[in-house]
Protein backbone atom coordinates (compact mmCIF):
# COMPACT_ATOMS: atom_id res chain seq x y z
CA MET A 1 13.03 43.29 65.43
CA ALA A 2 15.85 41.02 64.30
CA GLU A 3 19.01 42.69 63.08
CA LYS A 4 19.25 42.77 59.31
CA ILE A 5 21.72 40.48 57.57
CA ILE A 6 24.38 42.33 55.58
CA LYS A 7 26.11 40.60 52.70
CA ILE A 8 28.92 42.14 50.66
CA CYS A 9 29.23 40.41 47.30
CA GLY A 10 32.28 40.15 45.08
CA ILE A 11 35.12 40.84 47.49
CA ARG A 12 38.45 40.02 45.85
CA HIS A 13 40.99 40.90 48.52
CA PRO A 14 41.37 38.96 51.79
CA GLU A 15 42.18 42.01 53.89
CA ILE A 16 39.02 43.81 52.72
CA ALA A 17 36.95 40.74 53.62
CA GLN A 18 38.50 40.60 57.07
CA ARG A 19 37.97 44.31 57.73
CA ALA A 20 34.39 44.16 56.43
CA VAL A 21 33.54 41.35 58.84
CA CYS A 22 35.15 43.19 61.75
CA ALA A 23 33.01 46.22 60.82
CA GLY A 24 29.82 44.15 61.10
CA VAL A 25 29.20 42.29 57.82
CA ASN A 26 27.59 38.83 58.17
CA LEU A 27 28.24 37.26 54.76
CA ILE A 28 31.07 37.65 52.25
CA GLY A 29 30.27 36.69 48.65
CA ILE A 30 33.06 35.13 46.58
CA VAL A 31 32.46 35.17 42.82
CA PHE A 32 33.39 32.10 40.76
CA HIS A 33 32.01 33.38 37.44
CA SER A 34 35.16 33.65 35.32
CA LEU A 35 33.85 36.50 33.13
CA SER A 36 33.16 38.77 36.09
CA LYS A 37 35.56 41.51 37.13
CA ARG A 38 34.98 40.26 40.67
CA TYR A 39 36.10 36.71 39.88
CA VAL A 40 38.78 35.20 42.11
CA SER A 41 40.95 32.14 41.70
CA LEU A 42 40.42 29.13 43.94
CA ASP A 43 43.58 29.98 45.90
CA GLN A 44 42.31 33.51 46.52
CA ALA A 45 38.91 32.14 47.49
CA LYS A 46 40.43 29.75 50.02
CA LEU A 47 42.21 32.60 51.78
CA ILE A 48 39.18 34.90 51.71
CA SER A 49 37.01 32.08 53.05
CA TYR A 50 39.47 31.29 55.84
CA LEU A 51 39.83 34.90 57.00
CA THR A 52 36.07 35.48 56.78
CA ARG A 53 35.38 32.52 59.04
CA LYS A 54 38.21 33.44 61.38
CA ALA A 55 36.78 36.96 61.77
CA GLY A 56 33.35 35.54 62.67
CA ALA A 57 31.28 35.67 59.47
CA LEU A 58 30.45 33.19 56.72
CA PRO A 59 31.71 32.96 53.12
CA VAL A 60 29.25 32.47 50.26
CA ALA A 61 30.19 30.91 46.91
CA ILE A 62 28.56 32.70 43.96
CA PHE A 63 27.78 30.30 41.10
CA THR A 64 26.32 30.85 37.63
CA HIS A 65 27.02 28.29 34.90
CA HIS A 66 28.31 25.58 37.21
CA SER A 67 27.27 21.96 37.51
CA ALA A 68 26.57 20.35 40.87
CA SER A 69 29.88 18.50 40.77
CA GLU A 70 31.77 21.72 40.04
CA MET A 71 30.01 23.52 42.89
CA LYS A 72 30.72 20.72 45.35
CA LEU A 73 34.40 20.58 44.42
CA ILE A 74 34.88 24.34 44.82
CA CYS A 75 32.98 24.43 48.10
CA LYS A 76 34.96 21.52 49.51
CA LYS A 77 38.32 23.05 48.62
CA ALA A 78 37.37 26.54 49.81
CA GLU A 79 35.51 25.28 52.91
CA ILE A 80 32.27 27.03 52.00
CA ASN A 81 28.81 25.75 52.96
CA ILE A 82 26.60 28.52 51.54
CA VAL A 83 25.96 28.75 47.80
CA GLN A 84 24.37 31.64 45.93
CA LEU A 85 22.72 30.46 42.73
CA HIS A 86 22.43 32.93 39.85
CA GLY A 87 22.75 31.20 36.49
CA LYS A 88 20.21 28.78 35.04
CA LYS A 89 22.60 25.85 35.22
CA ALA A 90 23.46 26.39 38.88
CA ARG A 91 19.81 26.86 39.83
CA ALA A 92 18.73 23.79 37.86
CA SER A 93 21.24 21.48 39.53
CA HIS A 94 21.25 22.72 43.11
CA HIS A 95 19.01 19.84 44.25
CA LEU A 96 22.03 17.58 43.68
CA LEU A 97 24.04 19.45 46.31
CA PRO A 98 24.25 18.17 49.90
CA GLU A 99 21.37 19.14 52.17
CA SER A 100 23.92 20.63 54.54
CA TYR A 101 24.54 23.45 52.04
CA GLN A 102 22.47 26.56 52.60
CA ARG A 103 21.12 28.08 49.40
CA ILE A 104 20.68 31.73 48.46
CA TYR A 105 18.51 31.41 45.38
CA ALA A 106 18.48 34.41 43.03
CA GLN A 107 15.18 35.52 41.53
CA HIS A 108 14.43 38.50 39.31
CA LEU A 109 11.45 40.76 38.78
CA SER A 110 9.58 41.20 35.52
CA ASP A 111 8.95 44.64 34.02
CA LYS A 112 5.64 44.63 35.91
CA GLY A 113 7.37 44.02 39.23
CA GLU A 114 6.33 40.36 39.37
CA LEU A 115 8.66 37.72 40.77
CA GLN A 116 9.89 35.36 38.04
CA SER A 117 9.76 31.94 39.67
CA ASP A 118 11.08 28.67 38.28
CA SER A 119 11.02 24.94 39.01
CA GLY A 120 14.13 25.07 41.21
CA LEU A 121 12.12 26.68 44.00
CA LYS A 122 10.49 23.36 44.87
CA TYR A 123 13.83 21.99 46.10
CA LEU A 124 14.39 24.81 48.57
CA ASP A 125 13.88 24.45 52.32
CA PRO A 126 12.10 27.38 54.03
CA HIS A 127 13.97 26.64 57.26
CA ARG A 128 17.38 26.61 55.59
CA ASP A 129 17.39 28.72 52.44
CA PHE A 130 16.99 32.32 51.31
CA ILE A 131 15.64 33.99 48.20
CA LEU A 132 17.76 36.80 46.77
CA ILE A 133 15.68 39.32 44.84
CA ASP A 134 17.86 41.21 42.40
CA HIS A 135 17.73 43.08 39.12
CA GLU A 136 18.00 40.87 36.04
CA ASN A 137 21.48 42.32 35.43
CA PRO A 138 23.10 41.72 38.84
CA GLY A 139 26.18 43.56 40.02
CA GLN A 140 25.62 46.55 37.73
CA GLY A 141 23.97 48.89 40.21
CA TYR A 142 20.44 48.65 38.77
CA MET A 143 17.53 48.82 41.21
CA ILE A 144 14.53 46.53 41.13
CA ASP A 145 11.13 48.02 40.34
CA ARG A 146 9.38 48.18 43.70
CA ASP A 147 6.15 49.89 42.64
CA HIS A 148 4.12 46.71 42.25
CA PHE A 149 6.36 44.38 44.20
CA GLY A 150 4.86 42.09 46.81
CA TYR A 151 6.66 39.14 48.35
CA HIS A 152 4.62 36.00 49.05
CA LEU A 153 7.09 33.09 49.03
CA PRO A 154 7.61 31.08 52.26
CA PHE A 155 11.34 31.83 52.39
CA ARG A 156 13.36 34.52 54.11
CA TRP A 157 14.71 36.94 51.53
CA LEU A 158 17.54 39.33 50.82
CA LEU A 159 17.21 42.52 48.78
CA ALA A 160 19.81 43.39 46.15
CA GLY A 161 20.05 45.70 43.16
CA GLY A 162 21.38 49.24 43.19
CA LEU A 163 21.78 49.52 46.96
CA THR A 164 24.12 52.23 48.27
CA PRO A 165 24.89 53.79 51.65
CA GLU A 166 22.57 56.63 50.64
CA ASN A 167 19.46 54.60 49.74
CA VAL A 168 19.64 51.32 51.67
CA SER A 169 17.85 52.56 54.77
CA ALA A 170 14.85 53.79 52.76
CA ARG A 171 14.71 50.55 50.77
CA ILE A 172 14.68 48.50 53.96
CA ASN A 173 11.86 50.63 55.36
CA ASP A 174 9.86 50.24 52.13
CA LEU A 175 10.29 46.49 51.56
CA ASN A 176 11.37 45.01 54.92
CA PRO A 177 13.67 42.20 53.75
CA GLU A 178 15.50 39.96 56.21
CA GLY A 179 18.75 41.31 54.83
CA VAL A 180 20.53 43.23 52.09
CA ASP A 181 23.18 42.32 49.54
CA VAL A 182 25.44 44.98 48.01
CA SER A 183 28.21 44.90 45.43
CA SER A 184 28.76 47.91 43.15
CA GLY A 185 27.27 50.29 45.74
CA VAL A 186 30.36 49.91 47.94
CA GLU A 187 32.93 50.21 45.15
CA SER A 188 34.95 53.33 44.35
CA ILE A 189 36.31 51.58 41.24
CA HIS A 190 34.25 49.00 39.35
CA GLY A 191 35.09 45.59 40.78
CA GLU A 192 37.09 46.89 43.75
CA LYS A 193 35.49 47.26 47.19
CA ASP A 194 36.09 50.36 49.32
CA ILE A 195 36.19 49.71 53.08
CA LEU A 196 35.02 53.27 53.84
CA LEU A 197 31.91 52.76 51.69
CA ILE A 198 31.33 49.39 53.35
CA GLN A 199 31.45 51.09 56.75
CA LYS A 200 29.00 53.76 55.58
CA PHE A 201 26.69 51.05 54.25
CA ILE A 202 26.71 49.21 57.58
CA GLN A 203 26.02 52.44 59.42
CA SER A 204 23.05 53.16 57.13
CA VAL A 205 21.61 49.71 57.80
CA ARG A 206 22.24 49.51 61.55
CA GLY A 207 22.96 53.05 62.68
CA HIS A 208 26.52 52.10 63.64
CA TYR A 209 29.50 50.00 62.63
CA ASN A 210 32.37 48.52 64.59
CA VAL A 211 35.52 50.61 64.34
CA VAL A 212 38.23 48.73 62.39
């Protein structure tokens, strides 16, 4: 069985990003939504991106209400080649991005546990891109309704929404995603990541973490 991908979303401090990667994280999400408590400036993003890559993982740019030109400019300056698409505007314009960019395309579940698809899916590449399945209010610690959930899209997918060190192992066993994405579940203060919680999360997913 392939090792699960671990993504930590909304890291604001370069040293936390570096330590998280050294502990075993694969992807570091950098938030560019200006209204989020996890938002970082472009200068901060450039340093987080650099240290993430230097430590052996990959940075991910989190976009919401951004045009294709805005996304390309940020990615070029921050040296990021993976985009996570949450807002309607970002999802609607991602087909204008270079093919070399990997997409993590956010999708939500309805109240009945059904995946809410949209027209942007047709521009995704099953060999390149991921689906991120999250609660409709991402980053708030809410879990998706798994009771009637079944995944049938031809893309690899990441599970998000209310994951914590205490529940992530059971959620992986129940739903078997290719990876997991956590934000509030590894924060001791809203918007601020805790390296000890990140280590516990990694250990819950993999049974171990690298000592940092």
